[in-house]
Amino acid sequence: MSDPSEPGDDDYAAANRIGRPVARWMSRWRVAIQKRPWLDRVYRVLLTAVGALIVVIGLILVPLPGPGWLIVFIGLTVLGSEYHWARRLTSWLRMQLARFWTWWRARKERREARRLP
């Protein structure tokens, strides 16, 4: 499952513990919404509009100083709560980000090892 030597594993476990009550609440919320087809349609339209708006704002903020990419990821997460393609894209982006940080840490360690005699 998870390697205790990995620094992010504790963070991942903590995030899962924090997310469980939210997931339970969201599943009850979705059951209540799905019982009413008109409300389900309104919910999907609003969720799509809010998620797309967050993504667009994040993309506008990317070239500016600040958390542009973070806002884009948040928007994709909002869209991913309802759309499979957004969940897959977010998972792929998380995997790429994890690969980048692994590469970055290895590069940093190699540079430090070269500096030391």
PDB file of N, CA and C in Angstrom:
ATOM      1  N   MET A   1       0.830  -1.189   0.000  1.00  0.00           N
ATOM      2  CA  MET A   1       0.000   0.000   0.000  1.00  0.00           C
ATOM      3  C   MET A   1       0.871   1.247   0.000  1.00  0.00           C
ATOM      4  N   SER A   2       1.203   1.750   1.177  1.00  0.00           N
ATOM      5  CA  SER A   2       1.996   2.964   1.237  1.00  0.00           C
ATOM      6  C   SER A   2       3.317   2.678   1.929  1.00  0.00           C
ATOM      7  N   ASP A   3       4.336   3.342   1.455  1.00  0.00           N
ATOM      8  CA  ASP A   3       5.679   3.181   1.978  1.00  0.00           C
ATOM      9  C   ASP A   3       5.894   4.207   3.076  1.00  0.00           C
ATOM     10  N   PRO A   4       6.160   3.781   4.326  1.00  0.00           N
ATOM     11  CA  PRO A   4       6.312   4.742   5.410  1.00  0.00           C
ATOM     12  C   PRO A   4       7.520   5.654   5.224  1.00  0.00           C
ATOM     13  N   SER A   5       8.452   5.267   4.360  1.00  0.00           N
ATOM     14  CA  SER A   5       9.623   6.112   4.144  1.00  0.00           C
ATOM     15  C   SER A   5       9.308   7.298   3.236  1.00  0.00           C
ATOM     16  N   GLU A   6       8.191   7.253   2.533  1.00  0.00           N
ATOM     17  CA  GLU A   6       7.806   8.365   1.658  1.00  0.00           C
ATOM     18  C   GLU A   6       7.295   9.520   2.511  1.00  0.00           C
ATOM     19  N   PRO A   7       7.797  10.730   2.277  1.00  0.00           N
ATOM     20  CA  PRO A   7       7.387  11.861   3.123  1.00  0.00           C
ATOM     21  C   PRO A   7       5.930  12.254   2.969  1.00  0.00           C
ATOM     22  N   GLY A   8       5.305  12.017   1.826  1.00  0.00           N
ATOM     23  CA  GLY A   8       3.939  12.449   1.608  1.00  0.00           C
ATOM     24  C   GLY A   8       2.890  11.477   2.099  1.00  0.00           C
ATOM     25  N   ASP A   9       3.299  10.276   2.518  1.00  0.00           N
ATOM     26  CA  ASP A   9       2.328   9.264   2.916  1.00  0.00           C
ATOM     27  C   ASP A   9       1.535   9.668   4.151  1.00  0.00           C
ATOM     28  N   ASP A  10       2.183  10.298   5.129  1.00  0.00           N
ATOM     29  CA  ASP A  10       1.468  10.748   6.316  1.00  0.00           C
ATOM     30  C   ASP A  10       0.437  11.810   5.944  1.00  0.00           C
ATOM     31  N   ASP A  11       0.805  12.696   5.022  1.00  0.00           N
ATOM     32  CA  ASP A  11      -0.128  13.725   4.568  1.00  0.00           C
ATOM     33  C   ASP A  11      -1.319  13.091   3.868  1.00  0.00           C
ATOM     34  N   TYR A  12      -1.062  12.069   3.073  1.00  0.00           N
ATOM     35  CA  TYR A  12      -2.133  11.396   2.340  1.00  0.00           C
ATOM     36  C   TYR A  12      -3.104  10.727   3.313  1.00  0.00           C
ATOM     37  N   ALA A  13      -2.569  10.059   4.328  1.00  0.00           N
ATOM     38  CA  ALA A  13      -3.423   9.403   5.323  1.00  0.00           C
ATOM     39  C   ALA A  13      -4.241  10.433   6.098  1.00  0.00           C
ATOM     40  N   ALA A  14      -3.624  11.550   6.450  1.00  0.00           N
ATOM     41  CA  ALA A  14      -4.344  12.598   7.172  1.00  0.00           C
ATOM     42  C   ALA A  14      -5.456  13.183   6.306  1.00  0.00           C
ATOM     43  N   ALA A  15      -5.179  13.379   5.028  1.00  0.00           N
ATOM     44  CA  ALA A  15      -6.194  13.918   4.122  1.00  0.00           C
ATOM     45  C   ALA A  15      -7.367  12.945   3.990  1.00  0.00           C
ATOM     46  N   ASN A  16      -7.075  11.650   3.962  1.00  0.00           N
ATOM     47  CA  ASN A  16      -8.163  10.664   3.894  1.00  0.00           C
ATOM     48  C   ASN A  16      -9.019  10.697   5.146  1.00  0.00           C
ATOM     49  N   ARG A  17      -8.390  10.834   6.319  1.00  0.00           N
ATOM     50  CA  ARG A  17      -9.153  10.904   7.564  1.00  0.00           C
ATOM     51  C   ARG A  17     -10.034  12.150   7.585  1.00  0.00           C
ATOM     52  N   ILE A  18      -9.501  13.261   7.122  1.00  0.00           N
ATOM     53  CA  ILE A  18     -10.257  14.508   7.110  1.00  0.00           C
ATOM     54  C   ILE A  18     -11.395  14.425   6.096  1.00  0.00           C
ATOM     55  N   GLY A  19     -11.152  13.755   4.966  1.00  0.00           N
ATOM     56  CA  GLY A  19     -12.127  13.716   3.887  1.00  0.00           C
ATOM     57  C   GLY A  19     -13.293  12.774   4.100  1.00  0.00           C
ATOM     58  N   ARG A  20     -13.177  11.827   5.012  1.00  0.00           N
ATOM     59  CA  ARG A  20     -14.257  10.851   5.198  1.00  0.00           C
ATOM     60  C   ARG A  20     -15.586  11.476   5.590  1.00  0.00           C
ATOM     61  N   PRO A  21     -15.635  12.363   6.596  1.00  0.00           N
ATOM     62  CA  PRO A  21     -16.936  12.955   6.942  1.00  0.00           C
ATOM     63  C   PRO A  21     -17.522  13.763   5.784  1.00  0.00           C
ATOM     64  N   VAL A  22     -16.660  14.434   5.043  1.00  0.00           N
ATOM     65  CA  VAL A  22     -17.132  15.213   3.906  1.00  0.00           C
ATOM     66  C   VAL A  22     -17.712  14.281   2.850  1.00  0.00           C
ATOM     67  N   ALA A  23     -17.040  13.154   2.598  1.00  0.00           N
ATOM     68  CA  ALA A  23     -17.532  12.193   1.598  1.00  0.00           C
ATOM     69  C   ALA A  23     -18.873  11.611   2.013  1.00  0.00           C
ATOM     70  N   ARG A  24     -19.045  11.309   3.297  1.00  0.00           N
ATOM     71  CA  ARG A  24     -20.328  10.793   3.769  1.00  0.00           C
ATOM     72  C   ARG A  24     -21.433  11.826   3.580  1.00  0.00           C
ATOM     73  N   TRP A  25     -21.139  13.071   3.926  1.00  0.00           N
ATOM     74  CA  TRP A  25     -22.123  14.133   3.780  1.00  0.00           C
ATOM     75  C   TRP A  25     -22.471  14.328   2.308  1.00  0.00           C
ATOM     76  N   MET A  26     -21.468  14.322   1.438  1.00  0.00           N
ATOM     77  CA  MET A  26     -21.719  14.504   0.005  1.00  0.00           C
ATOM     78  C   MET A  26     -22.549  13.357  -0.566  1.00  0.00           C
ATOM     79  N   SER A  27     -22.313  12.131  -0.120  1.00  0.00           N
ATOM     80  CA  SER A  27     -23.095  11.013  -0.654  1.00  0.00           C
ATOM     81  C   SER A  27     -24.561  11.130  -0.229  1.00  0.00           C
ATOM     82  N   ARG A  28     -24.820  11.552   0.992  1.00  0.00           N
ATOM     83  CA  ARG A  28     -26.209  11.765   1.423  1.00  0.00           C
ATOM     84  C   ARG A  28     -26.838  12.907   0.622  1.00  0.00           C
ATOM     85  N   TRP A  29     -26.080  13.952   0.388  1.00  0.00           N
ATOM     86  CA  TRP A  29     -26.550  15.104  -0.374  1.00  0.00           C
ATOM     87  C   TRP A  29     -26.918  14.690  -1.798  1.00  0.00           C
ATOM     88  N   ARG A  30     -26.084  13.877  -2.436  1.00  0.00           N
ATOM     89  CA  ARG A  30     -26.344  13.455  -3.808  1.00  0.00           C
ATOM     90  C   ARG A  30     -27.571  12.550  -3.898  1.00  0.00           C
ATOM     91  N   VAL A  31     -27.769  11.695  -2.914  1.00  0.00           N
ATOM     92  CA  VAL A  31     -28.957  10.835  -2.913  1.00  0.00           C
ATOM     93  C   VAL A  31     -30.213  11.701  -2.844  1.00  0.00           C
ATOM     94  N   ALA A  32     -30.184  12.720  -1.991  1.00  0.00           N
ATOM     95  CA  ALA A  32     -31.338  13.612  -1.875  1.00  0.00           C
ATOM     96  C   ALA A  32     -31.585  14.374  -3.175  1.00  0.00           C
ATOM     97  N   ILE A  33     -30.523  14.792  -3.827  1.00  0.00           N
ATOM     98  CA  ILE A  33     -30.666  15.530  -5.091  1.00  0.00           C
ATOM     99  C   ILE A  33     -31.165  14.616  -6.198  1.00  0.00           C
ATOM    100  N   GLN A  34     -30.663  13.398  -6.271  1.00  0.00           N
ATOM    101  CA  GLN A  34     -31.027  12.497  -7.356  1.00  0.00           C
ATOM    102  C   GLN A  34     -32.472  12.011  -7.261  1.00  0.00           C
ATOM    103  N   LYS A  35     -33.085  12.160  -6.115  1.00  0.00           N
ATOM    104  CA  LYS A  35     -34.495  11.788  -5.981  1.00  0.00           C
ATOM    105  C   LYS A  35     -35.397  12.751  -6.748  1.00  0.00           C
ATOM    106  N   ARG A  36     -34.902  13.943  -6.992  1.00  0.00           N
ATOM    107  CA  ARG A  36     -35.674  14.952  -7.718  1.00  0.00           C
ATOM    108  C   ARG A  36     -34.937  15.280  -9.015  1.00  0.00           C
ATOM    109  N   PRO A  37     -35.417  14.779 -10.156  1.00  0.00           N
ATOM    110  CA  PRO A  37     -34.701  14.968 -11.429  1.00  0.00           C
ATOM    111  C   PRO A  37     -34.462  16.432 -11.794  1.00  0.00           C
ATOM    112  N   TRP A  38     -35.419  17.298 -11.537  1.00  0.00           N
ATOM    113  CA  TRP A  38     -35.221  18.704 -11.886  1.00  0.00           C
ATOM    114  C   TRP A  38     -34.117  19.323 -11.043  1.00  0.00           C
ATOM    115  N   LEU A  39     -34.039  18.928  -9.775  1.00  0.00           N
ATOM    116  CA  LEU A  39     -33.002  19.458  -8.893  1.00  0.00           C
ATOM    117  C   LEU A  39     -31.626  18.914  -9.286  1.00  0.00           C
ATOM    118  N   ASP A  40     -31.602  17.672  -9.745  1.00  0.00           N
ATOM    119  CA  ASP A  40     -30.355  17.080 -10.216  1.00  0.00           C
ATOM    120  C   ASP A  40     -29.823  17.853 -11.415  1.00  0.00           C
ATOM    121  N   ARG A  41     -30.701  18.198 -12.335  1.00  0.00           N
ATOM    122  CA  ARG A  41     -30.284  18.951 -13.524  1.00  0.00           C
ATOM    123  C   ARG A  41     -29.784  20.352 -13.143  1.00  0.00           C
ATOM    124  N   VAL A  42     -30.494  21.017 -12.251  1.00  0.00           N
ATOM    125  CA  VAL A  42     -30.079  22.352 -11.786  1.00  0.00           C
ATOM    126  C   VAL A  42     -28.727  22.263 -11.081  1.00  0.00           C
ATOM    127  N   TYR A  43     -28.576  21.239 -10.246  1.00  0.00           N
ATOM    128  CA  TYR A  43     -27.315  21.041  -9.529  1.00  0.00           C
ATOM    129  C   TYR A  43     -26.150  20.859 -10.497  1.00  0.00           C
ATOM    130  N   ARG A  44     -26.324  20.026 -11.517  1.00  0.00           N
ATOM    131  CA  ARG A  44     -25.257  19.792 -12.492  1.00  0.00           C
ATOM    132  C   ARG A  44     -24.911  21.061 -13.264  1.00  0.00           C
ATOM    133  N   VAL A  45     -25.917  21.814 -13.663  1.00  0.00           N
ATOM    134  CA  VAL A  45     -25.668  23.056 -14.403  1.00  0.00           C
ATOM    135  C   VAL A  45     -24.904  24.046 -13.525  1.00  0.00           C
ATOM    136  N   LEU A  46     -25.342  24.221 -12.281  1.00  0.00           N
ATOM    137  CA  LEU A  46     -24.661  25.143 -11.375  1.00  0.00           C
ATOM    138  C   LEU A  46     -23.237  24.682 -11.070  1.00  0.00           C
ATOM    139  N   LEU A  47     -23.064  23.400 -10.832  1.00  0.00           N
ATOM    140  CA  LEU A  47     -21.740  22.874 -10.541  1.00  0.00           C
ATOM    141  C   LEU A  47     -20.802  23.057 -11.741  1.00  0.00           C
ATOM    142  N   THR A  48     -21.306  22.815 -12.933  1.00  0.00           N
ATOM    143  CA  THR A  48     -20.504  23.002 -14.137  1.00  0.00           C
ATOM    144  C   THR A  48     -20.130  24.465 -14.312  1.00  0.00           C
ATOM    145  N   ALA A  49     -21.083  25.348 -14.097  1.00  0.00           N
ATOM    146  CA  ALA A  49     -20.807  26.781 -14.248  1.00  0.00           C
ATOM    147  C   ALA A  49     -19.779  27.259 -13.227  1.00  0.00           C
ATOM    148  N   VAL A  50     -19.933  26.841 -11.975  1.00  0.00           N
ATOM    149  CA  VAL A  50     -18.994  27.256 -10.929  1.00  0.00           C
ATOM    150  C   VAL A  50     -17.607  26.667 -11.197  1.00  0.00           C
ATOM    151  N   GLY A  51     -17.529  25.382 -11.526  1.00  0.00           N
ATOM    152  CA  GLY A  51     -16.239  24.756 -11.803  1.00  0.00           C
ATOM    153  C   GLY A  51     -15.544  25.382 -12.997  1.00  0.00           C
ATOM    154  N   ALA A  52     -16.296  25.639 -14.073  1.00  0.00           N
ATOM    155  CA  ALA A  52     -15.707  26.263 -15.256  1.00  0.00           C
ATOM    156  C   ALA A  52     -15.245  27.680 -14.950  1.00  0.00           C
ATOM    157  N   LEU A  53     -16.009  28.411 -14.171  1.00  0.00           N
ATOM    158  CA  LEU A  53     -15.627  29.766 -13.792  1.00  0.00           C
ATOM    159  C   LEU A  53     -14.328  29.761 -12.980  1.00  0.00           C
ATOM    160  N   ILE A  54     -14.209  28.832 -12.051  1.00  0.00           N
ATOM    161  CA  ILE A  54     -12.994  28.740 -11.243  1.00  0.00           C
ATOM    162  C   ILE A  54     -11.798  28.402 -12.125  1.00  0.00           C
ATOM    163  N   VAL A  55     -11.974  27.472 -13.065  1.00  0.00           N
ATOM    164  CA  VAL A  55     -10.876  27.112 -13.974  1.00  0.00           C
ATOM    165  C   VAL A  55     -10.473  28.312 -14.825  1.00  0.00           C
ATOM    166  N   VAL A  56     -11.439  29.030 -15.373  1.00  0.00           N
ATOM    167  CA  VAL A  56     -11.135  30.191 -16.221  1.00  0.00           C
ATOM    168  C   VAL A  56     -10.419  31.270 -15.412  1.00  0.00           C
ATOM    169  N   ILE A  57     -10.888  31.552 -14.220  1.00  0.00           N
ATOM    170  CA  ILE A  57     -10.214  32.544 -13.365  1.00  0.00           C
ATOM    171  C   ILE A  57      -8.789  32.098 -13.073  1.00  0.00           C
ATOM    172  N   GLY A  58      -8.606  30.813 -12.777  1.00  0.00           N
ATOM    173  CA  GLY A  58      -7.264  30.296 -12.530  1.00  0.00           C
ATOM    174  C   GLY A  58      -6.365  30.438 -13.743  1.00  0.00           C
ATOM    175  N   LEU A  59      -6.886  30.151 -14.937  1.00  0.00           N
ATOM    176  CA  LEU A  59      -6.084  30.293 -16.152  1.00  0.00           C
ATOM    177  C   LEU A  59      -5.727  31.750 -16.423  1.00  0.00           C
ATOM    178  N   ILE A  60      -6.626  32.661 -16.090  1.00  0.00           N
ATOM    179  CA  ILE A  60      -6.310  34.090 -16.234  1.00  0.00           C
ATOM    180  C   ILE A  60      -5.197  34.483 -15.268  1.00  0.00           C
ATOM    181  N   LEU A  61      -5.209  33.892 -14.081  1.00  0.00           N
ATOM    182  CA  LEU A  61      -4.221  34.251 -13.060  1.00  0.00           C
ATOM    183  C   LEU A  61      -2.876  33.543 -13.222  1.00  0.00           C
ATOM    184  N   VAL A  62      -2.777  32.568 -14.114  1.00  0.00           N
ATOM    185  CA  VAL A  62      -1.520  31.823 -14.270  1.00  0.00           C
ATOM    186  C   VAL A  62      -0.339  32.737 -14.563  1.00  0.00           C
ATOM    187  N   PRO A  63      -0.412  33.660 -15.531  1.00  0.00           N
ATOM    188  CA  PRO A  63       0.773  34.482 -15.800  1.00  0.00           C
ATOM    189  C   PRO A  63       1.039  35.544 -14.731  1.00  0.00           C
ATOM    190  N   LEU A  64       0.085  35.788 -13.867  1.00  0.00           N
ATOM    191  CA  LEU A  64       0.257  36.786 -12.822  1.00  0.00           C
ATOM    192  C   LEU A  64       0.854  36.140 -11.574  1.00  0.00           C
ATOM    193  N   PRO A  65       1.488  36.937 -10.728  1.00  0.00           N
ATOM    194  CA  PRO A  65       1.994  36.360  -9.476  1.00  0.00           C
ATOM    195  C   PRO A  65       0.836  35.906  -8.601  1.00  0.00           C
ATOM    196  N   GLY A  66       0.956  34.727  -8.084  1.00  0.00           N
ATOM    197  CA  GLY A  66      -0.106  34.203  -7.230  1.00  0.00           C
ATOM    198  C   GLY A  66      -0.411  32.754  -7.550  1.00  0.00           C
ATOM    199  N   PRO A  67      -1.464  32.245  -6.965  1.00  0.00           N
ATOM    200  CA  PRO A  67      -1.778  30.813  -7.061  1.00  0.00           C
ATOM    201  C   PRO A  67      -2.644  30.437  -8.264  1.00  0.00           C
ATOM    202  N   GLY A  68      -2.250  30.817  -9.462  1.00  0.00           N
ATOM    203  CA  GLY A  68      -3.061  30.532 -10.643  1.00  0.00           C
ATOM    204  C   GLY A  68      -3.303  29.057 -10.862  1.00  0.00           C
ATOM    205  N   TRP A  69      -2.235  28.260 -10.854  1.00  0.00           N
ATOM    206  CA  TRP A  69      -2.398  26.821 -11.100  1.00  0.00           C
ATOM    207  C   TRP A  69      -3.168  26.154  -9.978  1.00  0.00           C
ATOM    208  N   LEU A  70      -2.983  26.602  -8.766  1.00  0.00           N
ATOM    209  CA  LEU A  70      -3.741  26.039  -7.648  1.00  0.00           C
ATOM    210  C   LEU A  70      -5.239  26.252  -7.855  1.00  0.00           C
ATOM    211  N   ILE A  71      -5.609  27.429  -8.330  1.00  0.00           N
ATOM    212  CA  ILE A  71      -7.019  27.720  -8.580  1.00  0.00           C
ATOM    213  C   ILE A  71      -7.553  26.855  -9.719  1.00  0.00           C
ATOM    214  N   VAL A  72      -6.732  26.619 -10.748  1.00  0.00           N
ATOM    215  CA  VAL A  72      -7.150  25.730 -11.842  1.00  0.00           C
ATOM    216  C   VAL A  72      -7.404  24.329 -11.293  1.00  0.00           C
ATOM    217  N   PHE A  73      -6.504  23.818 -10.442  1.00  0.00           N
ATOM    218  CA  PHE A  73      -6.681  22.484  -9.859  1.00  0.00           C
ATOM    219  C   PHE A  73      -7.935  22.416  -8.994  1.00  0.00           C
ATOM    220  N   ILE A  74      -8.213  23.473  -8.266  1.00  0.00           N
ATOM    221  CA  ILE A  74      -9.427  23.503  -7.448  1.00  0.00           C
ATOM    222  C   ILE A  74     -10.663  23.450  -8.339  1.00  0.00           C
ATOM    223  N   GLY A  75     -10.645  24.201  -9.433  1.00  0.00           N
ATOM    224  CA  GLY A  75     -11.766  24.171 -10.372  1.00  0.00           C
ATOM    225  C   GLY A  75     -11.960  22.797 -10.983  1.00  0.00           C
ATOM    226  N   LEU A  76     -10.847  22.134 -11.332  1.00  0.00           N
ATOM    227  CA  LEU A  76     -10.951  20.774 -11.877  1.00  0.00           C
ATOM    228  C   LEU A  76     -11.472  19.798 -10.825  1.00  0.00           C
ATOM    229  N   THR A  77     -11.113  20.020  -9.582  1.00  0.00           N
ATOM    230  CA  THR A  77     -11.632  19.168  -8.510  1.00  0.00           C
ATOM    231  C   THR A  77     -13.136  19.361  -8.350  1.00  0.00           C
ATOM    232  N   VAL A  78     -13.593  20.595  -8.454  1.00  0.00           N
ATOM    233  CA  VAL A  78     -15.037  20.856  -8.385  1.00  0.00           C
ATOM    234  C   VAL A  78     -15.739  20.145  -9.544  1.00  0.00           C
ATOM    235  N   LEU A  79     -15.189  20.276 -10.743  1.00  0.00           N
ATOM    236  CA  LEU A  79     -15.784  19.585 -11.894  1.00  0.00           C
ATOM    237  C   LEU A  79     -15.679  18.073 -11.736  1.00  0.00           C
ATOM    238  N   GLY A  80     -14.603  17.600 -11.132  1.00  0.00           N
ATOM    239  CA  GLY A  80     -14.396  16.170 -10.939  1.00  0.00           C
ATOM    240  C   GLY A  80     -15.371  15.540  -9.965  1.00  0.00           C
ATOM    241  N   SER A  81     -16.017  16.371  -9.164  1.00  0.00           N
ATOM    242  CA  SER A  81     -17.012  15.806  -8.252  1.00  0.00           C
ATOM    243  C   SER A  81     -18.233  15.300  -9.020  1.00  0.00           C
ATOM    244  N   GLU A  82     -18.382  15.716 -10.281  1.00  0.00           N
ATOM    245  CA  GLU A  82     -19.534  15.291 -11.063  1.00  0.00           C
ATOM    246  C   GLU A  82     -19.172  14.648 -12.402  1.00  0.00           C
ATOM    247  N   TYR A  83     -17.998  14.954 -12.937  1.00  0.00           N
ATOM    248  CA  TYR A  83     -17.638  14.474 -14.271  1.00  0.00           C
ATOM    249  C   TYR A  83     -16.405  13.587 -14.226  1.00  0.00           C
ATOM    250  N   HIS A  84     -16.519  12.441 -14.873  1.00  0.00           N
ATOM    251  CA  HIS A  84     -15.431  11.466 -14.865  1.00  0.00           C
ATOM    252  C   HIS A  84     -14.186  11.995 -15.577  1.00  0.00           C
ATOM    253  N   TRP A  85     -14.346  12.698 -16.683  1.00  0.00           N
ATOM    254  CA  TRP A  85     -13.197  13.199 -17.433  1.00  0.00           C
ATOM    255  C   TRP A  85     -12.373  14.160 -16.577  1.00  0.00           C
ATOM    256  N   ALA A  86     -13.030  14.963 -15.747  1.00  0.00           N
ATOM    257  CA  ALA A  86     -12.308  15.900 -14.887  1.00  0.00           C
ATOM    258  C   ALA A  86     -11.567  15.151 -13.780  1.00  0.00           C
ATOM    259  N   ARG A  87     -12.178  14.075 -13.263  1.00  0.00           N
ATOM    260  CA  ARG A  87     -11.487  13.251 -12.256  1.00  0.00           C
ATOM    261  C   ARG A  87     -10.247  12.618 -12.845  1.00  0.00           C
ATOM    262  N   ARG A  88     -10.373  12.094 -14.074  1.00  0.00           N
ATOM    263  CA  ARG A  88      -9.222  11.466 -14.726  1.00  0.00           C
ATOM    264  C   ARG A  88      -8.126  12.483 -14.995  1.00  0.00           C
ATOM    265  N   LEU A  89      -8.498  13.675 -15.453  1.00  0.00           N
ATOM    266  CA  LEU A  89      -7.517  14.715 -15.713  1.00  0.00           C
ATOM    267  C   LEU A  89      -6.820  15.143 -14.424  1.00  0.00           C
ATOM    268  N   THR A  90      -7.579  15.297 -13.358  1.00  0.00           N
ATOM    269  CA  THR A  90      -6.998  15.679 -12.073  1.00  0.00           C
ATOM    270  C   THR A  90      -6.065  14.591 -11.561  1.00  0.00           C
ATOM    271  N   SER A  91      -6.444  13.329 -11.712  1.00  0.00           N
ATOM    272  CA  SER A  91      -5.568  12.232 -11.286  1.00  0.00           C
ATOM    273  C   SER A  91      -4.278  12.228 -12.083  1.00  0.00           C
ATOM    274  N   TRP A  92      -4.394  12.440 -13.387  1.00  0.00           N
ATOM    275  CA  TRP A  92      -3.199  12.480 -14.227  1.00  0.00           C
ATOM    276  C   TRP A  92      -2.295  13.648 -13.827  1.00  0.00           C
ATOM    277  N   LEU A  93      -2.886  14.803 -13.560  1.00  0.00           N
ATOM    278  CA  LEU A  93      -2.094  15.963 -13.150  1.00  0.00           C
ATOM    279  C   LEU A  93      -1.419  15.729 -11.805  1.00  0.00           C
ATOM    280  N   ARG A  94      -2.107  15.088 -10.883  1.00  0.00           N
ATOM    281  CA  ARG A  94      -1.492  14.769  -9.587  1.00  0.00           C
ATOM    282  C   ARG A  94      -0.312  13.816  -9.763  1.00  0.00           C
ATOM    283  N   MET A  95      -0.475  12.836 -10.661  1.00  0.00           N
ATOM    284  CA  MET A  95       0.616  11.899 -10.923  1.00  0.00           C
ATOM    285  C   MET A  95       1.816  12.635 -11.516  1.00  0.00           C
ATOM    286  N   GLN A  96       1.562  13.537 -12.454  1.00  0.00           N
ATOM    287  CA  GLN A  96       2.649  14.300 -13.061  1.00  0.00           C
ATOM    288  C   GLN A  96       3.330  15.191 -12.025  1.00  0.00           C
ATOM    289  N   LEU A  97       2.545  15.778 -11.144  1.00  0.00           N
ATOM    290  CA  LEU A  97       3.104  16.625 -10.094  1.00  0.00           C
ATOM    291  C   LEU A  97       3.956  15.804  -9.129  1.00  0.00           C
ATOM    292  N   ALA A  98       3.503  14.614  -8.786  1.00  0.00           N
ATOM    293  CA  ALA A  98       4.289  13.731  -7.905  1.00  0.00           C
ATOM    294  C   ALA A  98       5.593  13.336  -8.584  1.00  0.00           C
ATOM    295  N   ARG A  99       5.540  13.032  -9.878  1.00  0.00           N
ATOM    296  CA  ARG A  99       6.764  12.698 -10.621  1.00  0.00           C
ATOM    297  C   ARG A  99       7.716  13.881 -10.643  1.00  0.00           C
ATOM    298  N   PHE A 100       7.169  15.086 -10.838  1.00  0.00           N
ATOM    299  CA  PHE A 100       8.010  16.279 -10.848  1.00  0.00           C
ATOM    300  C   PHE A 100       8.706  16.452  -9.510  1.00  0.00           C
ATOM    301  N   TRP A 101       7.977  16.337  -8.391  1.00  0.00           N
ATOM    302  CA  TRP A 101       8.591  16.548  -7.079  1.00  0.00           C
ATOM    303  C   TRP A 101       9.616  15.465  -6.774  1.00  0.00           C
ATOM    304  N   THR A 102       9.387  14.239  -7.217  1.00  0.00           N
ATOM    305  CA  THR A 102      10.385  13.188  -7.038  1.00  0.00           C
ATOM    306  C   THR A 102      11.647  13.548  -7.802  1.00  0.00           C
ATOM    307  N   TRP A 103      11.486  13.986  -9.041  1.00  0.00           N
ATOM    308  CA  TRP A 103      12.636  14.398  -9.839  1.00  0.00           C
ATOM    309  C   TRP A 103      13.343  15.581  -9.193  1.00  0.00           C
ATOM    310  N   TRP A 104      12.591  16.552  -8.702  1.00  0.00           N
ATOM    311  CA  TRP A 104      13.164  17.751  -8.104  1.00  0.00           C
ATOM    312  C   TRP A 104      13.989  17.410  -6.854  1.00  0.00           C
ATOM    313  N   ARG A 105      13.429  16.537  -6.010  1.00  0.00           N
ATOM    314  CA  ARG A 105      14.162  16.151  -4.795  1.00  0.00           C
ATOM    315  C   ARG A 105      15.435  15.393  -5.137  1.00  0.00           C
ATOM    316  N   ALA A 106      15.374  14.492  -6.116  1.00  0.00           N
ATOM    317  CA  ALA A 106      16.555  13.744  -6.528  1.00  0.00           C
ATOM    318  C   ALA A 106      17.601  14.700  -7.104  1.00  0.00           C
ATOM    319  N   ARG A 107      17.171  15.658  -7.886  1.00  0.00           N
ATOM    320  CA  ARG A 107      18.096  16.641  -8.462  1.00  0.00           C
ATOM    321  C   ARG A 107      18.762  17.453  -7.360  1.00  0.00           C
ATOM    322  N   LYS A 108      17.965  17.851  -6.383  1.00  0.00           N
ATOM    323  CA  LYS A 108      18.493  18.638  -5.264  1.00  0.00           C
ATOM    324  C   LYS A 108      19.520  17.825  -4.468  1.00  0.00           C
ATOM    325  N   GLU A 109      19.201  16.546  -4.229  1.00  0.00           N
ATOM    326  CA  GLU A 109      20.142  15.688  -3.501  1.00  0.00           C
ATOM    327  C   GLU A 109      21.438  15.491  -4.287  1.00  0.00           C
ATOM    328  N   ARG A 110      21.332  15.316  -5.605  1.00  0.00           N
ATOM    329  CA  ARG A 110      22.544  15.181  -6.438  1.00  0.00           C
ATOM    330  C   ARG A 110      23.395  16.436  -6.394  1.00  0.00           C
ATOM    331  N   ARG A 111      22.766  17.597  -6.432  1.00  0.00           N
ATOM    332  CA  ARG A 111      23.518  18.853  -6.375  1.00  0.00           C
ATOM    333  C   ARG A 111      24.203  19.029  -5.024  1.00  0.00           C
ATOM    334  N   GLU A 112      23.503  18.660  -3.952  1.00  0.00           N
ATOM    335  CA  GLU A 112      24.113  18.761  -2.623  1.00  0.00           C
ATOM    336  C   GLU A 112      25.252  17.777  -2.460  1.00  0.00           C
ATOM    337  N   ALA A 113      25.091  16.586  -3.048  1.00  0.00           N
ATOM    338  CA  ALA A 113      26.152  15.578  -2.955  1.00  0.00           C
ATOM    339  C   ALA A 113      27.390  16.038  -3.712  1.00  0.00           C
ATOM    340  N   ARG A 114      27.221  16.743  -4.825  1.00  0.00           N
ATOM    341  CA  ARG A 114      28.367  17.252  -5.578  1.00  0.00           C
ATOM    342  C   ARG A 114      29.073  18.352  -4.833  1.00  0.00           C
ATOM    343  N   ARG A 115      28.347  19.153  -4.064  1.00  0.00           N
ATOM    344  CA  ARG A 115      28.953  20.252  -3.315  1.00  0.00           C
ATOM    345  C   ARG A 115      29.809  19.755  -2.165  1.00  0.00           C
ATOM    346  N   LEU A 116      29.374  18.697  -1.513  1.00  0.00           N
ATOM    347  CA  LEU A 116      30.130  18.166  -0.386  1.00  0.00           C
ATOM    348  C   LEU A 116      31.315  17.363  -0.893  1.00  0.00           C
ATOM    349  N   PRO A 117      32.461  17.485  -0.217  1.00  0.00           N
ATOM    350  CA  PRO A 117      33.663  16.749  -0.692  1.00  0.00           C
ATOM    351  C   PRO A 117      33.604  15.267  -0.432  1.00  0.00           C
TER     352      PRO A 117
END
